[in-house]
């Protein structure tokens, strides 16, 4: 389970947001720190909810694994992941 773990993205990665009932993609830039707040929800969809810049977005767990580097708890966080 990835919940509670933090990752630094090595490459820009797409996430999903819902604004006024509509889904839209959001590009989370390389170098940003994200925190997994929930997921994956099942073995079929493998989606995770992430916290980035105070917003909860949804991302594929596979993308987090392939494009991110896990950060240990002892490493300092950027402002965007402290929310």
Protein backbone atom coordinates (compact mmCIF):
# COMPACT_ATOMS: atom_id res chain seq x y z
CA UNK A 1 0.00 0.00 0.00
CA UNK A 2 1.34 3.40 -0.99
CA UNK A 3 -0.82 5.47 1.37
CA UNK A 4 1.21 7.96 3.39
CA UNK A 5 4.33 7.73 1.23
CA UNK A 6 5.92 10.74 -0.44
CA UNK A 7 7.51 10.86 -3.88
CA UNK A 8 9.56 13.35 -5.86
CA UNK A 9 8.55 13.23 -9.52
CA UNK A 10 11.44 12.70 -11.94
CA UNK A 11 9.28 13.57 -14.95
CA UNK A 12 6.16 15.62 -15.52
CA UNK A 13 3.18 13.35 -14.83
CA UNK A 14 -0.52 13.71 -15.60
CA UNK A 15 -3.10 13.64 -12.83
CA UNK A 16 -6.89 13.94 -12.86
CA UNK A 17 -8.87 16.68 -11.15
CA UNK A 18 -12.62 17.23 -10.89
CA UNK A 19 -13.75 20.84 -11.22
CA UNK A 20 -17.45 21.69 -11.22
CA UNK A 21 -18.29 18.06 -11.91
CA UNK A 22 -15.97 17.77 -14.91
CA UNK A 23 -12.78 15.77 -15.10
CA UNK A 24 -9.68 17.48 -16.39
CA UNK A 25 -6.01 16.62 -16.62
CA UNK A 26 -3.38 18.46 -14.65
CA UNK A 27 0.34 18.25 -15.43
CA UNK A 28 2.33 17.86 -12.21
CA UNK A 29 5.83 19.11 -13.10
CA UNK A 30 9.05 17.18 -12.65
CA UNK A 31 10.73 17.96 -9.34
CA UNK A 32 7.46 18.34 -7.41
CA UNK A 33 6.78 16.42 -4.21
CA UNK A 34 3.52 14.51 -3.90
CA UNK A 35 2.02 12.55 -1.03
CA UNK A 36 -0.21 9.52 -1.50
CA UNK A 37 -3.34 10.07 0.59
CA UNK A 38 -5.40 7.07 -0.52
CA UNK A 39 -5.22 4.03 -2.76
CA UNK A 40 -4.89 2.01 -4.79
CA UNK A 41 -8.64 1.47 -4.64
CA UNK A 42 -8.58 -1.95 -6.35
CA UNK A 43 -6.34 -4.20 -8.37
CA UNK A 44 -8.20 -3.30 -11.57
CA UNK A 45 -7.88 0.49 -11.67
CA UNK A 46 -4.75 1.01 -9.56
CA UNK A 47 -5.51 4.70 -9.05
CA UNK A 48 -4.19 6.68 -6.08
CA UNK A 49 -5.24 9.99 -4.61
CA UNK A 50 -2.34 12.38 -4.19
CA UNK A 51 -1.84 15.64 -2.34
CA UNK A 52 -0.08 18.32 -4.37
CA UNK A 53 -0.09 22.05 -3.66
CA UNK A 54 -2.95 21.61 -1.21
CA UNK A 55 -5.11 19.84 -3.80
CA UNK A 56 -6.19 16.23 -3.91
CA UNK A 57 -5.77 14.78 -7.41
CA UNK A 58 -5.89 11.25 -8.81
CA UNK A 59 -2.95 9.56 -10.52
CA UNK A 60 -2.14 6.08 -11.78
CA UNK A 61 -0.09 4.16 -9.21
CA UNK A 62 2.02 2.87 -12.11
CA UNK A 63 2.95 6.46 -13.06
CA UNK A 64 3.95 7.27 -9.48
CA UNK A 65 6.13 4.17 -9.37
CA UNK A 66 7.70 4.69 -12.81
CA UNK A 67 8.19 8.47 -12.66
CA UNK A 68 8.78 9.13 -8.98
CA UNK A 69 11.42 8.48 -6.36
CA UNK A 70 10.21 7.66 -2.87
CA UNK A 71 11.30 10.12 -0.19
CA UNK A 72 12.12 8.86 3.26
CA UNK A 73 10.51 10.55 6.27
CA UNK A 74 13.86 12.05 7.30
CA UNK A 75 14.18 14.12 4.10
CA UNK A 76 12.77 17.67 4.16
CA UNK A 77 9.60 18.36 2.15
CA UNK A 78 8.92 21.18 -0.24
CA UNK A 79 6.17 23.64 0.59
CA UNK A 80 3.75 21.95 -1.85
CA UNK A 81 3.70 18.64 0.04
CA UNK A 82 3.34 20.03 3.57
CA UNK A 83 -0.37 20.79 3.34
